[in-house]
Amino acid sequence: MTPPAPHRRRLTRPAWLLGGVIVATALLGTYLLFAQSGSSQRHRSATVGPALSEIPFNGQRAYRYLQQICDLGPRPSGSPAMAAQQKLLAEHFANLGGKVTRQEFRYRHPLDGSTVPMANLLVEWHPERKERVLLCAHYDTRPFPDRDPVDPRGSFVGANDGGSGVALLMELAHEMPDFQSRYGVDFVLFDGEEFVFSDTDTYFLGSEWFARQYVGNPPPYHYRWGVLFDMVADADLQLFQEGNSVSWSDTRPLVDSIWQTAARLRVPEFIPRRGQTVRDDHLKLHNIAKIPTCDIIDFDYPYWHTVEDLPRRCSAESLAKVGWVTREWLRGLK
């Protein structure tokens, strides 16, 4: 992900979150302890959701996909591990019946000026359907764990930040061939979401390229909705409604319908309150391509951009819940 305000990623923090934490001077020590661990903003629901064994979405297999991706190691744009991931994913989706296309582009390396090959991966399901839904995630990892307090130039495998959305779509792909709807579904994995080495570098390369191609070379179909999955496998999952997504009038109905689906399924991790305002790939899809797109993200993740963003910090249950809500939302589209 990208850094907090005033740069690119986290722009605002709701006042009610801070107010709920700073209760009294007597609790200040406890507050500071939780703030350091990233827990100061956690919302604990009194509702107990379904257990993993009760969820009709294969979270265990999704988690194994997450581990498989992370076994490749760090996957920054243009790296051998990214190339290996692209091959793995293209074969995975094609074997399940998806039409896989590489959307290739190049970018100038911000440090040495070399040319970096990049590619978005587009997977089409039921391509004959002209009204479509876009489900997307980024699949590159940041070059370094720049926020790690001990080793900011260490190894960053990006289990949650970079791997979780990919693993979710890998599992959801098993259900796409038999998806009954008037809508077709496309998956897009964006490259170059954060191929950055300083806060002044450019973010969201793949989504901007995709959005400009959609506008400049219009396809024979139309995207009705877009959903971006980013950091959705946190073992302590809390999904508030992202600020941009609820402020855009054309996207608010999409947010409402997804969170209403979660409420119907009794998945309390989807919290129907406005959360942080985040700069992410959905901005390019909404502002350039004019696709109403929401961001499903748990940005309050204590291992963000650190060496500890590992599979053990993630959860099969979280993947199962997000996948289940997404699938049921898709089935309910009219």
C-alpha atoms as a PDB file:
ATOM      1  CA  MET A   1       0.000   0.000   0.000  1.00  0.00           C
ATOM      2  CA  THR A   2       0.968   3.620  -0.181  1.00  0.00           C
ATOM      3  CA  PRO A   3       1.909   5.851   2.758  1.00  0.00           C
ATOM      4  CA  PRO A   4      -0.505   7.798   4.971  1.00  0.00           C
ATOM      5  CA  ALA A   5      -1.511  11.432   4.406  1.00  0.00           C
ATOM      6  CA  PRO A   6      -0.379  13.874   3.278  1.00  0.00           C
ATOM      7  CA  HIS A   7       0.957  11.663   0.510  1.00  0.00           C
ATOM      8  CA  ARG A   8      -1.220   9.020  -1.094  1.00  0.00           C
ATOM      9  CA  ARG A   9      -2.852   6.277   0.865  1.00  0.00           C
ATOM     10  CA  ARG A  10      -4.626   7.117   4.076  1.00  0.00           C
ATOM     11  CA  LEU A  11      -6.091  10.612   3.887  1.00  0.00           C
ATOM     12  CA  THR A  12      -8.496  10.892   6.792  1.00  0.00           C
ATOM     13  CA  ARG A  13      -9.386   9.115   9.999  1.00  0.00           C
ATOM     14  CA  PRO A  14     -12.940   9.320  11.368  1.00  0.00           C
ATOM     15  CA  ALA A  15     -13.119  11.310  14.582  1.00  0.00           C
ATOM     16  CA  TRP A  16     -15.400   8.801  16.230  1.00  0.00           C
ATOM     17  CA  LEU A  17     -12.683   6.147  16.060  1.00  0.00           C
ATOM     18  CA  LEU A  18     -10.195   8.244  17.971  1.00  0.00           C
ATOM     19  CA  GLY A  19     -12.820   9.459  20.371  1.00  0.00           C
ATOM     20  CA  GLY A  20     -13.852   5.916  21.144  1.00  0.00           C
ATOM     21  CA  VAL A  21     -10.304   5.006  22.097  1.00  0.00           C
ATOM     22  CA  ILE A  22      -9.266   7.958  24.226  1.00  0.00           C
ATOM     23  CA  VAL A  23     -11.782   7.356  26.971  1.00  0.00           C
ATOM     24  CA  ALA A  24     -10.112   8.821  30.034  1.00  0.00           C
ATOM     25  CA  THR A  25      -6.740   9.850  31.321  1.00  0.00           C
ATOM     26  CA  ALA A  26      -6.725   6.854  33.604  1.00  0.00           C
ATOM     27  CA  LEU A  27      -6.702   4.591  30.563  1.00  0.00           C
ATOM     28  CA  LEU A  28      -3.995   6.456  28.693  1.00  0.00           C
ATOM     29  CA  GLY A  29      -1.337   3.828  29.317  1.00  0.00           C
ATOM     30  CA  THR A  30      -3.568   1.103  27.949  1.00  0.00           C
ATOM     31  CA  TYR A  31      -4.443   3.225  24.955  1.00  0.00           C
ATOM     32  CA  LEU A  32      -0.793   3.804  24.099  1.00  0.00           C
ATOM     33  CA  LEU A  33      -0.090   0.111  24.301  1.00  0.00           C
ATOM     34  CA  PHE A  34      -2.877  -0.663  21.864  1.00  0.00           C
ATOM     35  CA  ALA A  35      -1.924   2.185  19.571  1.00  0.00           C
ATOM     36  CA  GLN A  36       1.572   0.776  19.179  1.00  0.00           C
ATOM     37  CA  SER A  37       0.203  -2.609  18.203  1.00  0.00           C
ATOM     38  CA  GLY A  38      -2.209  -1.163  15.654  1.00  0.00           C
ATOM     39  CA  SER A  39      -5.215  -2.149  17.752  1.00  0.00           C
ATOM     40  CA  SER A  40      -6.396   1.287  18.818  1.00  0.00           C
ATOM     41  CA  GLN A  41      -8.904   1.528  16.011  1.00  0.00           C
ATOM     42  CA  ARG A  42     -10.263  -2.005  16.102  1.00  0.00           C
ATOM     43  CA  HIS A  43     -13.988  -2.428  16.289  1.00  0.00           C
ATOM     44  CA  ARG A  44     -15.149  -5.502  18.152  1.00  0.00           C
ATOM     45  CA  SER A  45     -18.602  -6.625  17.131  1.00  0.00           C
ATOM     46  CA  ALA A  46     -20.883  -8.221  19.678  1.00  0.00           C
ATOM     47  CA  THR A  47     -22.258 -10.423  16.906  1.00  0.00           C
ATOM     48  CA  VAL A  48     -20.607 -13.794  16.465  1.00  0.00           C
ATOM     49  CA  GLY A  49     -20.437 -14.757  12.812  1.00  0.00           C
ATOM     50  CA  PRO A  50     -20.397 -18.206  11.253  1.00  0.00           C
ATOM     51  CA  ALA A  51     -17.431 -20.492  11.847  1.00  0.00           C
ATOM     52  CA  LEU A  52     -15.186 -21.501   8.970  1.00  0.00           C
ATOM     53  CA  SER A  53     -16.829 -24.940   8.781  1.00  0.00           C
ATOM     54  CA  GLU A  54     -20.231 -23.282   8.322  1.00  0.00           C
ATOM     55  CA  ILE A  55     -19.242 -21.046   5.410  1.00  0.00           C
ATOM     56  CA  PRO A  56     -20.033 -22.448   1.942  1.00  0.00           C
ATOM     57  CA  PHE A  57     -16.904 -20.964   0.372  1.00  0.00           C
ATOM     58  CA  ASN A  58     -13.606 -22.816   0.424  1.00  0.00           C
ATOM     59  CA  GLY A  59     -11.473 -20.563   2.587  1.00  0.00           C
ATOM     60  CA  GLN A  60      -8.961 -23.319   3.315  1.00  0.00           C
ATOM     61  CA  ARG A  61      -8.169 -23.722  -0.359  1.00  0.00           C
ATOM     62  CA  ALA A  62      -7.998 -19.942  -0.790  1.00  0.00           C
ATOM     63  CA  TYR A  63      -5.511 -19.836   2.078  1.00  0.00           C
ATOM     64  CA  ARG A  64      -3.410 -22.536   0.386  1.00  0.00           C
ATOM     65  CA  TYR A  65      -3.377 -20.375  -2.730  1.00  0.00           C
ATOM     66  CA  LEU A  66      -2.145 -17.508  -0.571  1.00  0.00           C
ATOM     67  CA  GLN A  67       0.678 -19.671   0.733  1.00  0.00           C
ATOM     68  CA  GLN A  68       1.523 -20.829  -2.788  1.00  0.00           C
ATOM     69  CA  ILE A  69       1.825 -17.224  -3.955  1.00  0.00           C
ATOM     70  CA  CYS A  70       3.976 -16.243  -1.007  1.00  0.00           C
ATOM     71  CA  ASP A  71       6.249 -19.244  -1.572  1.00  0.00           C
ATOM     72  CA  LEU A  72       7.409 -17.426  -4.712  1.00  0.00           C
ATOM     73  CA  GLY A  73       8.902 -14.748  -2.471  1.00  0.00           C
ATOM     74  CA  PRO A  74       8.751 -10.983  -3.055  1.00  0.00           C
ATOM     75  CA  ARG A  75       6.960 -10.208  -6.331  1.00  0.00           C
ATOM     76  CA  PRO A  76       7.737  -6.611  -7.339  1.00  0.00           C
ATOM     77  CA  SER A  77       7.011  -5.560 -10.907  1.00  0.00           C
ATOM     78  CA  GLY A  78       9.471  -6.862 -13.471  1.00  0.00           C
ATOM     79  CA  SER A  79      11.023  -9.446 -11.135  1.00  0.00           C
ATOM     80  CA  PRO A  80      11.522 -13.165 -11.877  1.00  0.00           C
ATOM     81  CA  ALA A  81       9.075 -13.970  -9.065  1.00  0.00           C
ATOM     82  CA  MET A  82       6.435 -11.764 -10.693  1.00  0.00           C
ATOM     83  CA  ALA A  83       6.984 -13.587 -13.983  1.00  0.00           C
ATOM     84  CA  ALA A  84       6.593 -16.914 -12.166  1.00  0.00           C
ATOM     85  CA  GLN A  85       3.391 -15.656 -10.541  1.00  0.00           C
ATOM     86  CA  GLN A  86       1.996 -14.527 -13.885  1.00  0.00           C
ATOM     87  CA  LYS A  87       2.635 -17.967 -15.355  1.00  0.00           C
ATOM     88  CA  LEU A  88       1.067 -19.708 -12.346  1.00  0.00           C
ATOM     89  CA  LEU A  89      -2.044 -17.534 -12.464  1.00  0.00           C
ATOM     90  CA  ALA A  90      -2.509 -17.693 -16.224  1.00  0.00           C
ATOM     91  CA  GLU A  91      -2.439 -21.493 -16.054  1.00  0.00           C
ATOM     92  CA  HIS A  92      -4.740 -21.576 -13.027  1.00  0.00           C
ATOM     93  CA  PHE A  93      -7.458 -19.420 -14.561  1.00  0.00           C
ATOM     94  CA  ALA A  94      -7.187 -20.991 -18.028  1.00  0.00           C
ATOM     95  CA  ASN A  95      -7.487 -24.503 -16.575  1.00  0.00           C
ATOM     96  CA  LEU A  96     -10.747 -23.439 -14.916  1.00  0.00           C
ATOM     97  CA  GLY A  97     -12.147 -22.099 -18.184  1.00  0.00           C
ATOM     98  CA  GLY A  98     -11.285 -18.406 -18.036  1.00  0.00           C
ATOM     99  CA  LYS A  99     -10.142 -16.467 -21.087  1.00  0.00           C
ATOM    100  CA  VAL A 100      -6.778 -15.030 -20.027  1.00  0.00           C
ATOM    101  CA  THR A 101      -5.208 -11.962 -21.651  1.00  0.00           C
ATOM    102  CA  ARG A 102      -2.037 -10.078 -20.761  1.00  0.00           C
ATOM    103  CA  GLN A 103      -2.312  -6.292 -20.987  1.00  0.00           C
ATOM    104  CA  GLU A 104       1.345  -5.379 -21.370  1.00  0.00           C
ATOM    105  CA  PHE A 105       2.991  -2.014 -20.845  1.00  0.00           C
ATOM    106  CA  ARG A 106       6.361  -0.644 -19.781  1.00  0.00           C
ATOM    107  CA  TYR A 107       7.514   1.814 -17.161  1.00  0.00           C
ATOM    108  CA  ARG A 108      10.716   3.690 -16.471  1.00  0.00           C
ATOM    109  CA  HIS A 109      12.401   2.539 -13.269  1.00  0.00           C
ATOM    110  CA  PRO A 110      12.376   5.538 -10.877  1.00  0.00           C
ATOM    111  CA  LEU A 111      15.919   4.804  -9.618  1.00  0.00           C
ATOM    112  CA  ASP A 112      18.053   3.695 -12.559  1.00  0.00           C
ATOM    113  CA  GLY A 113      15.950   4.673 -15.564  1.00  0.00           C
ATOM    114  CA  SER A 114      15.790   1.135 -16.959  1.00  0.00           C
ATOM    115  CA  THR A 115      12.687  -0.149 -18.707  1.00  0.00           C
ATOM    116  CA  VAL A 116      10.510  -2.363 -16.505  1.00  0.00           C
ATOM    117  CA  PRO A 117       8.074  -4.735 -18.267  1.00  0.00           C
ATOM    118  CA  MET A 118       4.670  -4.852 -16.625  1.00  0.00           C
ATOM    119  CA  ALA A 119       1.411  -6.637 -17.391  1.00  0.00           C
ATOM    120  CA  ASN A 120      -2.110  -6.584 -16.063  1.00  0.00           C
ATOM    121  CA  LEU A 121      -3.765  -9.998 -16.173  1.00  0.00           C
ATOM    122  CA  LEU A 122      -7.346  -9.981 -17.483  1.00  0.00           C
ATOM    123  CA  VAL A 123      -9.548 -13.064 -16.996  1.00  0.00           C
ATOM    124  CA  GLU A 124     -12.945 -13.106 -18.740  1.00  0.00           C
ATOM    125  CA  TRP A 125     -15.836 -15.341 -17.712  1.00  0.00           C
ATOM    126  CA  HIS A 126     -18.778 -15.660 -20.114  1.00  0.00           C
ATOM    127  CA  PRO A 127     -17.329 -13.072 -22.526  1.00  0.00           C
ATOM    128  CA  GLU A 128     -20.475 -13.080 -24.663  1.00  0.00           C
ATOM    129  CA  ARG A 129     -22.361 -11.113 -21.983  1.00  0.00           C
ATOM    130  CA  LYS A 130     -22.280  -7.385 -22.716  1.00  0.00           C
ATOM    131  CA  GLU A 131     -23.122  -6.160 -19.220  1.00  0.00           C
ATOM    132  CA  ARG A 132     -20.205  -7.042 -16.946  1.00  0.00           C
ATOM    133  CA  VAL A 133     -18.825  -6.778 -13.420  1.00  0.00           C
ATOM    134  CA  LEU A 134     -15.143  -6.119 -12.738  1.00  0.00           C
ATOM    135  CA  LEU A 135     -13.472  -7.815  -9.762  1.00  0.00           C
ATOM    136  CA  CYS A 136      -9.889  -6.745  -9.240  1.00  0.00           C
ATOM    137  CA  ALA A 137      -6.810  -6.689  -7.035  1.00  0.00           C
ATOM    138  CA  HIS A 138      -3.165  -5.752  -7.394  1.00  0.00           C
ATOM    139  CA  TYR A 139      -0.686  -8.613  -7.585  1.00  0.00           C
ATOM    140  CA  ASP A 140       2.644  -6.847  -7.295  1.00  0.00           C
ATOM    141  CA  THR A 141       4.399  -6.401  -3.971  1.00  0.00           C
ATOM    142  CA  ARG A 142       6.151  -3.271  -2.791  1.00  0.00           C
ATOM    143  CA  PRO A 143       9.916  -3.456  -3.432  1.00  0.00           C
ATOM    144  CA  PHE A 144      10.777  -3.185   0.268  1.00  0.00           C
ATOM    145  CA  PRO A 145       9.012  -3.297   3.659  1.00  0.00           C
ATOM    146  CA  ASP A 146       9.581   0.417   4.078  1.00  0.00           C
ATOM    147  CA  ARG A 147       7.573   0.743   7.307  1.00  0.00           C
ATOM    148  CA  ASP A 148       9.370  -2.048   9.146  1.00  0.00           C
ATOM    149  CA  PRO A 149      10.936  -0.584  12.303  1.00  0.00           C
ATOM    150  CA  VAL A 150      13.927  -2.946  12.177  1.00  0.00           C
ATOM    151  CA  ASP A 151      14.555  -3.930   8.557  1.00  0.00           C
ATOM    152  CA  PRO A 152      12.978  -1.443   6.097  1.00  0.00           C
ATOM    153  CA  ARG A 153      15.085  -2.863   3.256  1.00  0.00           C
ATOM    154  CA  GLY A 154      14.343  -6.490   4.059  1.00  0.00           C
ATOM    155  CA  SER A 155      12.233  -9.084   2.288  1.00  0.00           C
ATOM    156  CA  PHE A 156       8.565  -8.261   1.717  1.00  0.00           C
ATOM    157  CA  VAL A 157       6.352 -11.142   0.575  1.00  0.00           C
ATOM    158  CA  GLY A 158       3.078  -9.220   0.920  1.00  0.00           C
ATOM    159  CA  ALA A 159       0.750 -11.982   2.114  1.00  0.00           C
ATOM    160  CA  ASN A 160      -2.135  -9.632   2.878  1.00  0.00           C
ATOM    161  CA  ASP A 161      -0.936  -6.652   0.849  1.00  0.00           C
ATOM    162  CA  GLY A 162      -0.671  -8.144  -2.604  1.00  0.00           C
ATOM    163  CA  GLY A 163      -1.494 -11.803  -2.008  1.00  0.00           C
ATOM    164  CA  SER A 164      -4.916 -11.815  -0.367  1.00  0.00           C
ATOM    165  CA  GLY A 165      -6.919 -10.373  -3.251  1.00  0.00           C
ATOM    166  CA  VAL A 166      -5.203 -12.713  -5.693  1.00  0.00           C
ATOM    167  CA  ALA A 167      -5.910 -15.782  -3.558  1.00  0.00           C
ATOM    168  CA  LEU A 168      -9.552 -14.749  -3.201  1.00  0.00           C
ATOM    169  CA  LEU A 169      -9.980 -14.504  -6.981  1.00  0.00           C
ATOM    170  CA  MET A 170      -8.155 -17.803  -7.510  1.00  0.00           C
ATOM    171  CA  GLU A 171     -10.741 -19.502  -5.314  1.00  0.00           C
ATOM    172  CA  LEU A 172     -13.705 -17.621  -6.732  1.00  0.00           C
ATOM    173  CA  ALA A 173     -12.630 -18.773 -10.192  1.00  0.00           C
ATOM    174  CA  HIS A 174     -13.794 -22.306  -9.351  1.00  0.00           C
ATOM    175  CA  GLU A 175     -17.377 -21.025  -9.338  1.00  0.00           C
ATOM    176  CA  MET A 176     -17.291 -18.775 -12.382  1.00  0.00           C
ATOM    177  CA  PRO A 177     -17.907 -21.323 -15.184  1.00  0.00           C
ATOM    178  CA  ASP A 178     -21.362 -22.100 -13.779  1.00  0.00           C
ATOM    179  CA  PHE A 179     -22.221 -18.531 -12.776  1.00  0.00           C
ATOM    180  CA  GLN A 180     -25.834 -17.923 -13.830  1.00  0.00           C
ATOM    181  CA  SER A 181     -26.568 -14.258 -14.467  1.00  0.00           C
ATOM    182  CA  ARG A 182     -27.173 -11.758 -17.206  1.00  0.00           C
ATOM    183  CA  TYR A 183     -23.816 -10.304 -16.166  1.00  0.00           C
ATOM    184  CA  GLY A 184     -20.431 -11.507 -17.244  1.00  0.00           C
ATOM    185  CA  VAL A 185     -17.548 -11.238 -14.801  1.00  0.00           C
ATOM    186  CA  ASP A 186     -13.983 -10.145 -15.442  1.00  0.00           C
ATOM    187  CA  PHE A 187     -11.069 -10.490 -13.059  1.00  0.00           C
ATOM    188  CA  VAL A 188      -8.209  -8.032 -13.432  1.00  0.00           C
ATOM    189  CA  LEU A 189      -4.921  -8.280 -11.552  1.00  0.00           C
ATOM    190  CA  PHE A 190      -3.100  -4.966 -11.663  1.00  0.00           C
ATOM    191  CA  ASP A 191       0.651  -4.678 -11.968  1.00  0.00           C
ATOM    192  CA  GLY A 192       2.607  -1.683 -10.688  1.00  0.00           C
ATOM    193  CA  GLU A 193       0.166  -0.682  -7.967  1.00  0.00           C
ATOM    194  CA  GLU A 194       3.079   0.383  -5.802  1.00  0.00           C
ATOM    195  CA  PHE A 195       6.305   0.077  -7.756  1.00  0.00           C
ATOM    196  CA  VAL A 196       7.656   2.930  -5.671  1.00  0.00           C
ATOM    197  CA  PHE A 197      10.880   3.620  -3.852  1.00  0.00           C
ATOM    198  CA  SER A 198       9.892   6.951  -2.290  1.00  0.00           C
ATOM    199  CA  ASP A 199       6.652   8.752  -1.532  1.00  0.00           C
ATOM    200  CA  THR A 200       7.129  10.995  -4.569  1.00  0.00           C
ATOM    201  CA  ASP A 201       6.997   8.088  -7.036  1.00  0.00           C
ATOM    202  CA  THR A 202       3.866   7.321  -9.051  1.00  0.00           C
ATOM    203  CA  TYR A 203       1.360   4.750  -7.787  1.00  0.00           C
ATOM    204  CA  PHE A 204      -1.432   2.760  -9.475  1.00  0.00           C
ATOM    205  CA  LEU A 205       0.316   2.217 -12.805  1.00  0.00           C
ATOM    206  CA  GLY A 206      -1.646  -0.865 -13.834  1.00  0.00           C
ATOM    207  CA  SER A 207      -5.091   0.451 -12.981  1.00  0.00           C
ATOM    208  CA  GLU A 208      -4.403   3.732 -14.767  1.00  0.00           C
ATOM    209  CA  TRP A 209      -3.229   1.862 -17.847  1.00  0.00           C
ATOM    210  CA  PHE A 210      -6.312  -0.346 -17.740  1.00  0.00           C
ATOM    211  CA  ALA A 211      -8.654   2.622 -17.274  1.00  0.00           C
ATOM    212  CA  ARG A 212      -7.116   4.590 -20.160  1.00  0.00           C
ATOM    213  CA  GLN A 213      -7.340   1.573 -22.467  1.00  0.00           C
ATOM    214  CA  TYR A 214     -11.006   1.139 -21.528  1.00  0.00           C
ATOM    215  CA  VAL A 215     -11.694   4.754 -22.490  1.00  0.00           C
ATOM    216  CA  GLY A 216      -9.335   5.054 -25.451  1.00  0.00           C
ATOM    217  CA  ASN A 217     -10.170   1.688 -27.040  1.00  0.00           C
ATOM    218  CA  PRO A 218     -13.739   1.007 -25.888  1.00  0.00           C
ATOM    219  CA  PRO A 219     -14.561  -2.713 -25.708  1.00  0.00           C
ATOM    220  CA  PRO A 220     -17.869  -4.118 -27.006  1.00  0.00           C
ATOM    221  CA  TYR A 221     -19.173  -4.396 -23.449  1.00  0.00           C
ATOM    222  CA  HIS A 222     -19.856  -2.215 -20.432  1.00  0.00           C
ATOM    223  CA  TYR A 223     -18.805  -2.524 -16.790  1.00  0.00           C
ATOM    224  CA  ARG A 224     -21.775  -1.889 -14.518  1.00  0.00           C
ATOM    225  CA  TRP A 225     -19.835  -2.244 -11.276  1.00  0.00           C
ATOM    226  CA  GLY A 226     -16.279  -2.722 -10.090  1.00  0.00           C
ATOM    227  CA  VAL A 227     -15.048  -4.155  -6.788  1.00  0.00           C
ATOM    228  CA  LEU A 228     -11.446  -3.878  -5.623  1.00  0.00           C
ATOM    229  CA  PHE A 229     -10.107  -6.332  -3.014  1.00  0.00           C
ATOM    230  CA  ASP A 230      -7.117  -5.137  -1.027  1.00  0.00           C
ATOM    231  CA  MET A 231      -5.859  -6.537   2.297  1.00  0.00           C
ATOM    232  CA  VAL A 232      -8.863  -8.807   2.889  1.00  0.00           C
ATOM    233  CA  ALA A 233      -7.189 -11.720   4.724  1.00  0.00           C
ATOM    234  CA  ASP A 234      -6.232 -10.118   8.045  1.00  0.00           C
ATOM    235  CA  ALA A 235      -6.823 -12.647  10.823  1.00  0.00           C
ATOM    236  CA  ASP A 236      -8.485  -9.810  12.764  1.00  0.00           C
ATOM    237  CA  LEU A 237     -10.641  -8.639   9.875  1.00  0.00           C
ATOM    238  CA  GLN A 238     -12.631  -5.399  10.136  1.00  0.00           C
ATOM    239  CA  LEU A 239     -14.133  -4.075   6.906  1.00  0.00           C
ATOM    240  CA  PHE A 240     -15.517  -0.577   7.273  1.00  0.00           C
ATOM    241  CA  GLN A 241     -16.896   1.223   4.212  1.00  0.00           C
ATOM    242  CA  GLU A 242     -14.044   3.059   2.512  1.00  0.00           C
ATOM    243  CA  GLY A 243     -14.477   6.840   2.431  1.00  0.00           C
ATOM    244  CA  ASN A 244     -14.236   7.496  -1.312  1.00  0.00           C
ATOM    245  CA  SER A 245     -16.513   4.575  -2.095  1.00  0.00           C
ATOM    246  CA  VAL A 246     -19.356   5.925   0.043  1.00  0.00           C
ATOM    247  CA  SER A 247     -18.883   9.568  -0.973  1.00  0.00           C
ATOM    248  CA  TRP A 248     -19.325   8.943  -4.712  1.00  0.00           C
ATOM    249  CA  SER A 249     -23.048   9.045  -5.527  1.00  0.00           C
ATOM    250  CA  ASP A 250     -22.727   6.465  -8.313  1.00  0.00           C
ATOM    251  CA  THR A 251     -20.842   4.006  -6.080  1.00  0.00           C
ATOM    252  CA  ARG A 252     -22.779   4.318  -2.834  1.00  0.00           C
ATOM    253  CA  PRO A 253     -25.554   1.910  -3.999  1.00  0.00           C
ATOM    254  CA  LEU A 254     -22.854  -0.676  -4.721  1.00  0.00           C
ATOM    255  CA  VAL A 255     -21.402  -0.324  -1.223  1.00  0.00           C
ATOM    256  CA  ASP A 256     -24.849  -0.584   0.336  1.00  0.00           C
ATOM    257  CA  SER A 257     -25.713  -3.735  -1.594  1.00  0.00           C
ATOM    258  CA  ILE A 258     -22.487  -5.533  -0.617  1.00  0.00           C
ATOM    259  CA  TRP A 259     -22.727  -4.651   3.069  1.00  0.00           C
ATOM    260  CA  GLN A 260     -26.446  -5.541   3.063  1.00  0.00           C
ATOM    261  CA  THR A 261     -25.508  -8.933   1.643  1.00  0.00           C
ATOM    262  CA  ALA A 262     -23.028  -9.388   4.492  1.00  0.00           C
ATOM    263  CA  ALA A 263     -25.696  -8.429   7.030  1.00  0.00           C
ATOM    264  CA  ARG A 264     -28.093 -10.963   5.548  1.00  0.00           C
ATOM    265  CA  LEU A 265     -25.416 -13.652   5.822  1.00  0.00           C
ATOM    266  CA  ARG A 266     -24.577 -12.515   9.374  1.00  0.00           C
ATOM    267  CA  VAL A 267     -20.946 -11.740   8.583  1.00  0.00           C
ATOM    268  CA  PRO A 268     -20.097  -9.071  11.183  1.00  0.00           C
ATOM    269  CA  GLU A 269     -16.664  -8.272   9.756  1.00  0.00           C
ATOM    270  CA  PHE A 270     -18.455  -6.072   7.191  1.00  0.00           C
ATOM    271  CA  ILE A 271     -19.188  -3.055   9.385  1.00  0.00           C
ATOM    272  CA  PRO A 272     -21.742  -0.634   7.869  1.00  0.00           C
ATOM    273  CA  ARG A 273     -19.979   2.527   8.961  1.00  0.00           C
ATOM    274  CA  ARG A 274     -17.724   4.889   7.094  1.00  0.00           C
ATOM    275  CA  GLY A 275     -14.053   4.102   7.599  1.00  0.00           C
ATOM    276  CA  GLN A 276     -10.829   5.620   6.398  1.00  0.00           C
ATOM    277  CA  THR A 277     -10.529   7.381   3.067  1.00  0.00           C
ATOM    278  CA  VAL A 278      -7.975   5.503   1.011  1.00  0.00           C
ATOM    279  CA  ARG A 279      -6.188   6.193  -2.262  1.00  0.00           C
ATOM    280  CA  ASP A 280      -6.125   2.947  -4.168  1.00  0.00           C
ATOM    281  CA  ASP A 281      -6.649   1.435  -7.629  1.00  0.00           C
ATOM    282  CA  HIS A 282     -10.376   2.161  -7.483  1.00  0.00           C
ATOM    283  CA  LEU A 283      -9.644   5.875  -8.005  1.00  0.00           C
ATOM    284  CA  LYS A 284      -8.366   5.270 -11.537  1.00  0.00           C
ATOM    285  CA  LEU A 285     -11.275   2.994 -12.396  1.00  0.00           C
ATOM    286  CA  HIS A 286     -13.816   5.505 -11.110  1.00  0.00           C
ATOM    287  CA  ASN A 287     -12.263   8.790 -12.177  1.00  0.00           C
ATOM    288  CA  ILE A 288     -10.796   7.823 -15.553  1.00  0.00           C
ATOM    289  CA  ALA A 289     -12.840   4.833 -16.756  1.00  0.00           C
ATOM    290  CA  LYS A 290     -16.045   6.062 -15.052  1.00  0.00           C
ATOM    291  CA  ILE A 291     -16.688   2.594 -13.634  1.00  0.00           C
ATOM    292  CA  PRO A 292     -18.483   2.813 -10.263  1.00  0.00           C
ATOM    293  CA  THR A 293     -15.956   0.929  -8.133  1.00  0.00           C
ATOM    294  CA  CYS A 294     -15.711   0.365  -4.395  1.00  0.00           C
ATOM    295  CA  ASP A 295     -12.687  -0.661  -2.362  1.00  0.00           C
ATOM    296  CA  ILE A 296     -13.079  -3.533   0.107  1.00  0.00           C
ATOM    297  CA  ILE A 297     -10.092  -3.051   2.386  1.00  0.00           C
ATOM    298  CA  ASP A 298      -9.036  -3.467   6.001  1.00  0.00           C
ATOM    299  CA  PHE A 299      -6.405  -0.765   6.146  1.00  0.00           C
ATOM    300  CA  ASP A 300      -5.940  -1.038   9.904  1.00  0.00           C
ATOM    301  CA  TYR A 301      -3.401  -3.845   9.555  1.00  0.00           C
ATOM    302  CA  PRO A 302      -0.467  -3.739  12.006  1.00  0.00           C
ATOM    303  CA  TYR A 303       1.917  -5.552   9.617  1.00  0.00           C
ATOM    304  CA  TRP A 304       1.396  -3.203   6.671  1.00  0.00           C
ATOM    305  CA  HIS A 305       4.637  -2.807   4.715  1.00  0.00           C
ATOM    306  CA  THR A 306       6.687  -4.804   7.207  1.00  0.00           C
ATOM    307  CA  VAL A 307       8.555  -8.094   7.016  1.00  0.00           C
ATOM    308  CA  GLU A 308       5.785  -9.596   9.167  1.00  0.00           C
ATOM    309  CA  ASP A 309       3.159  -9.410   6.414  1.00  0.00           C
ATOM    310  CA  LEU A 310       3.258 -13.197   6.198  1.00  0.00           C
ATOM    311  CA  PRO A 311       0.672 -15.956   5.700  1.00  0.00           C
ATOM    312  CA  ARG A 312       0.547 -16.603   9.439  1.00  0.00           C
ATOM    313  CA  ARG A 313      -0.896 -13.114   9.894  1.00  0.00           C
ATOM    314  CA  CYS A 314      -3.749 -14.055   7.561  1.00  0.00           C
ATOM    315  CA  SER A 315      -6.784 -16.274   7.944  1.00  0.00           C
ATOM    316  CA  ALA A 316      -8.672 -18.847   5.892  1.00  0.00           C
ATOM    317  CA  GLU A 317     -11.808 -17.722   7.709  1.00  0.00           C
ATOM    318  CA  SER A 318     -11.368 -14.114   6.582  1.00  0.00           C
ATOM    319  CA  LEU A 319     -10.894 -15.216   2.976  1.00  0.00           C
ATOM    320  CA  ALA A 320     -13.942 -17.463   3.252  1.00  0.00           C
ATOM    321  CA  LYS A 321     -16.155 -14.682   4.578  1.00  0.00           C
ATOM    322  CA  VAL A 322     -15.135 -12.131   1.952  1.00  0.00           C
ATOM    323  CA  GLY A 323     -15.449 -14.717  -0.796  1.00  0.00           C
ATOM    324  CA  TRP A 324     -18.872 -15.864   0.402  1.00  0.00           C
ATOM    325  CA  VAL A 325     -20.258 -12.329   0.609  1.00  0.00           C
ATOM    326  CA  THR A 326     -18.863 -11.535  -2.844  1.00  0.00           C
ATOM    327  CA  ARG A 327     -20.352 -14.630  -4.421  1.00  0.00           C
ATOM    328  CA  GLU A 328     -23.784 -14.084  -2.887  1.00  0.00           C
ATOM    329  CA  TRP A 329     -23.721 -10.426  -3.914  1.00  0.00           C
ATOM    330  CA  LEU A 330     -22.942 -11.470  -7.493  1.00  0.00           C
ATOM    331  CA  ARG A 331     -25.788 -13.981  -7.458  1.00  0.00           C
ATOM    332  CA  GLY A 332     -28.212 -11.304  -6.316  1.00  0.00           C
ATOM    333  CA  LEU A 333     -27.434  -8.807  -9.088  1.00  0.00           C
ATOM    334  CA  LYS A 334     -30.436  -7.793 -11.158  1.00  0.00           C
END
